[in-house]
Amino acid sequence: MKDARTRAITILSGPSSVRPDDQLSGDASPRVIVLRTDVHDRSAAEDLRAALDDLLMPDHPWNFDLEDRDRILRVEAPGSMTLPIARLLNAHGHACEPLDDPAFSAGGSSN
């Protein structure tokens, strides 16, 4: 069985019941929010774990894919959670933006 440290960076695999293409809609139903980050290693992901858990768990599971070139953070949550997630990462010194949405701004600190 995986411990909480492993869960934080587990690579998502298999089909999902939610759709990433609706991540920024105002709909409250769960989606997979897919965010490009600059979280490059396990240590940085672990440093974010408590803050992400406070914001998202237990209702919105999340994980990093640190093997992806975009250092993906995936979150099963309504699209309305995109900005709070991005702001949280920015507040911890990390760049973060949704994939496929170059117009997105998380307080101007994602560059």
C-alpha atoms as a PDB file:
ATOM      1  CA  MET A   1       0.000   0.000   0.000  1.00  0.00           C
ATOM      2  CA  LYS A   2       1.302   3.467  -0.889  1.00  0.00           C
ATOM      3  CA  ASP A   3       1.981   5.949   1.869  1.00  0.00           C
ATOM      4  CA  ALA A   4       0.997   9.648   1.722  1.00  0.00           C
ATOM      5  CA  ARG A   5       4.465  10.661   0.481  1.00  0.00           C
ATOM      6  CA  THR A   6       4.128   8.422  -2.556  1.00  0.00           C
ATOM      7  CA  ARG A   7       0.588   9.607  -3.273  1.00  0.00           C
ATOM      8  CA  ALA A   8       1.773  13.178  -3.651  1.00  0.00           C
ATOM      9  CA  ILE A   9       3.744  12.407  -6.796  1.00  0.00           C
ATOM     10  CA  THR A  10       2.022   9.342  -8.196  1.00  0.00           C
ATOM     11  CA  ILE A  11       1.704   9.474 -11.968  1.00  0.00           C
ATOM     12  CA  LEU A  12      -1.939   9.392 -13.009  1.00  0.00           C
ATOM     13  CA  SER A  13      -2.730   6.453 -15.240  1.00  0.00           C
ATOM     14  CA  GLY A  14      -5.797   4.844 -16.681  1.00  0.00           C
ATOM     15  CA  PRO A  15      -9.090   6.390 -17.765  1.00  0.00           C
ATOM     16  CA  SER A  16     -10.674   9.190 -15.799  1.00  0.00           C
ATOM     17  CA  SER A  17     -14.333  10.014 -15.405  1.00  0.00           C
ATOM     18  CA  VAL A  18     -13.637  13.729 -15.701  1.00  0.00           C
ATOM     19  CA  ARG A  19     -12.642  15.793 -18.730  1.00  0.00           C
ATOM     20  CA  PRO A  20      -9.641  18.169 -18.857  1.00  0.00           C
ATOM     21  CA  ASP A  21     -11.151  20.250 -21.691  1.00  0.00           C
ATOM     22  CA  ASP A  22     -13.724  21.810 -19.334  1.00  0.00           C
ATOM     23  CA  GLN A  23     -11.223  22.801 -16.635  1.00  0.00           C
ATOM     24  CA  LEU A  24     -11.951  26.540 -16.683  1.00  0.00           C
ATOM     25  CA  SER A  25     -15.722  26.431 -16.923  1.00  0.00           C
ATOM     26  CA  GLY A  26     -17.834  27.723 -14.075  1.00  0.00           C
ATOM     27  CA  ASP A  27     -19.389  24.290 -13.646  1.00  0.00           C
ATOM     28  CA  ALA A  28     -19.109  22.878 -10.129  1.00  0.00           C
ATOM     29  CA  SER A  29     -18.836  19.267 -11.299  1.00  0.00           C
ATOM     30  CA  PRO A  30     -15.397  17.628 -10.990  1.00  0.00           C
ATOM     31  CA  ARG A  31     -12.931  17.819 -13.829  1.00  0.00           C
ATOM     32  CA  VAL A  32      -9.253  17.077 -14.203  1.00  0.00           C
ATOM     33  CA  ILE A  33      -7.434  20.376 -13.925  1.00  0.00           C
ATOM     34  CA  VAL A  34      -4.079  19.982 -15.680  1.00  0.00           C
ATOM     35  CA  LEU A  35      -1.438  22.527 -14.719  1.00  0.00           C
ATOM     36  CA  ARG A  36       2.101  23.059 -16.022  1.00  0.00           C
ATOM     37  CA  THR A  37       4.470  23.767 -13.123  1.00  0.00           C
ATOM     38  CA  ASP A  38       8.143  24.270 -12.379  1.00  0.00           C
ATOM     39  CA  VAL A  39       8.120  21.685  -9.575  1.00  0.00           C
ATOM     40  CA  HIS A  40      11.163  19.691 -10.714  1.00  0.00           C
ATOM     41  CA  ASP A  41      11.743  17.072  -8.059  1.00  0.00           C
ATOM     42  CA  ARG A  42      10.224  14.944  -5.336  1.00  0.00           C
ATOM     43  CA  SER A  43      11.529  17.236  -2.606  1.00  0.00           C
ATOM     44  CA  ALA A  44       9.750  20.288  -4.039  1.00  0.00           C
ATOM     45  CA  ALA A  45       6.530  18.259  -4.426  1.00  0.00           C
ATOM     46  CA  GLU A  46       6.791  17.112  -0.824  1.00  0.00           C
ATOM     47  CA  ASP A  47       7.279  20.714   0.305  1.00  0.00           C
ATOM     48  CA  LEU A  48       3.900  21.545  -1.304  1.00  0.00           C
ATOM     49  CA  ARG A  49       2.050  18.484   0.000  1.00  0.00           C
ATOM     50  CA  ALA A  50       0.673  19.962   3.237  1.00  0.00           C
ATOM     51  CA  ALA A  51      -0.529  23.159   1.550  1.00  0.00           C
ATOM     52  CA  LEU A  52      -2.153  21.267  -1.340  1.00  0.00           C
ATOM     53  CA  ASP A  53      -3.779  18.813   1.063  1.00  0.00           C
ATOM     54  CA  ASP A  54      -5.146  21.711   3.142  1.00  0.00           C
ATOM     55  CA  LEU A  55      -6.668  23.295   0.043  1.00  0.00           C
ATOM     56  CA  LEU A  56      -7.851  20.172  -1.772  1.00  0.00           C
ATOM     57  CA  MET A  57      -8.186  17.040   0.331  1.00  0.00           C
ATOM     58  CA  PRO A  58     -10.129  14.918   0.919  1.00  0.00           C
ATOM     59  CA  ASP A  59     -12.561  15.974  -1.810  1.00  0.00           C
ATOM     60  CA  HIS A  60     -10.131  16.719  -4.628  1.00  0.00           C
ATOM     61  CA  PRO A  61      -7.369  14.149  -5.198  1.00  0.00           C
ATOM     62  CA  TRP A  62      -4.201  15.504  -6.784  1.00  0.00           C
ATOM     63  CA  ASN A  63      -0.829  14.306  -8.052  1.00  0.00           C
ATOM     64  CA  PHE A  64       2.314  15.489  -9.820  1.00  0.00           C
ATOM     65  CA  ASP A  65       3.769  13.860 -12.909  1.00  0.00           C
ATOM     66  CA  LEU A  66       7.396  14.870 -12.484  1.00  0.00           C
ATOM     67  CA  GLU A  67       8.489  12.738 -15.429  1.00  0.00           C
ATOM     68  CA  ASP A  68       6.444  14.859 -17.856  1.00  0.00           C
ATOM     69  CA  ARG A  69       8.404  17.710 -19.450  1.00  0.00           C
ATOM     70  CA  ASP A  70       5.758  20.152 -18.162  1.00  0.00           C
ATOM     71  CA  ARG A  71       5.955  18.845 -14.551  1.00  0.00           C
ATOM     72  CA  ILE A  72       2.202  18.336 -14.534  1.00  0.00           C
ATOM     73  CA  LEU A  73      -0.022  18.811 -11.509  1.00  0.00           C
ATOM     74  CA  ARG A  74      -3.395  17.079 -11.973  1.00  0.00           C
ATOM     75  CA  VAL A  75      -6.313  17.794  -9.680  1.00  0.00           C
ATOM     76  CA  GLU A  76      -9.794  16.296  -9.782  1.00  0.00           C
ATOM     77  CA  ALA A  77     -11.808  19.401  -8.916  1.00  0.00           C
ATOM     78  CA  PRO A  78     -14.243  21.926 -10.365  1.00  0.00           C
ATOM     79  CA  GLY A  79     -12.733  24.425 -12.789  1.00  0.00           C
ATOM     80  CA  SER A  80     -13.341  27.132 -10.203  1.00  0.00           C
ATOM     81  CA  MET A  81     -10.402  25.694  -8.215  1.00  0.00           C
ATOM     82  CA  THR A  82      -7.853  26.473 -10.975  1.00  0.00           C
ATOM     83  CA  LEU A  83      -7.016  29.975  -9.784  1.00  0.00           C
ATOM     84  CA  PRO A  84      -6.759  29.104  -6.053  1.00  0.00           C
ATOM     85  CA  ILE A  85      -4.430  26.194  -6.907  1.00  0.00           C
ATOM     86  CA  ALA A  86      -2.247  28.393  -9.111  1.00  0.00           C
ATOM     87  CA  ARG A  87      -2.120  31.120  -6.463  1.00  0.00           C
ATOM     88  CA  LEU A  88      -1.091  28.567  -3.838  1.00  0.00           C
ATOM     89  CA  LEU A  89       1.814  27.351  -5.966  1.00  0.00           C
ATOM     90  CA  ASN A  90       2.798  30.962  -6.760  1.00  0.00           C
ATOM     91  CA  ALA A  91       2.753  31.802  -3.033  1.00  0.00           C
ATOM     92  CA  HIS A  92       5.232  28.954  -2.497  1.00  0.00           C
ATOM     93  CA  GLY A  93       7.536  30.292  -5.221  1.00  0.00           C
ATOM     94  CA  HIS A  94       6.467  28.066  -8.098  1.00  0.00           C
ATOM     95  CA  ALA A  95       5.253  28.960 -11.562  1.00  0.00           C
ATOM     96  CA  CYS A  96       1.958  27.374 -12.538  1.00  0.00           C
ATOM     97  CA  GLU A  97      -0.441  27.669 -15.470  1.00  0.00           C
ATOM     98  CA  PRO A  98      -3.184  25.540 -16.996  1.00  0.00           C
ATOM     99  CA  LEU A  99      -2.188  23.711 -20.143  1.00  0.00           C
ATOM    100  CA  ASP A 100      -3.954  24.891 -23.295  1.00  0.00           C
ATOM    101  CA  ASP A 101      -4.791  28.314 -21.825  1.00  0.00           C
ATOM    102  CA  PRO A 102      -2.008  30.844 -22.529  1.00  0.00           C
ATOM    103  CA  ALA A 103      -4.294  33.735 -21.507  1.00  0.00           C
ATOM    104  CA  PHE A 104      -4.548  32.469 -17.927  1.00  0.00           C
ATOM    105  CA  SER A 105      -2.969  34.671 -15.274  1.00  0.00           C
ATOM    106  CA  ALA A 106      -2.406  33.630 -11.666  1.00  0.00           C
ATOM    107  CA  GLY A 107      -1.665  37.022 -10.256  1.00  0.00           C
ATOM    108  CA  GLY A 108       1.092  37.733 -12.753  1.00  0.00           C
ATOM    109  CA  SER A 109       3.738  35.683 -10.970  1.00  0.00           C
ATOM    110  CA  SER A 110       3.741  32.603 -13.195  1.00  0.00           C
ATOM    111  CA  ASN A 111       6.397  33.984 -15.574  1.00  0.00           C
END
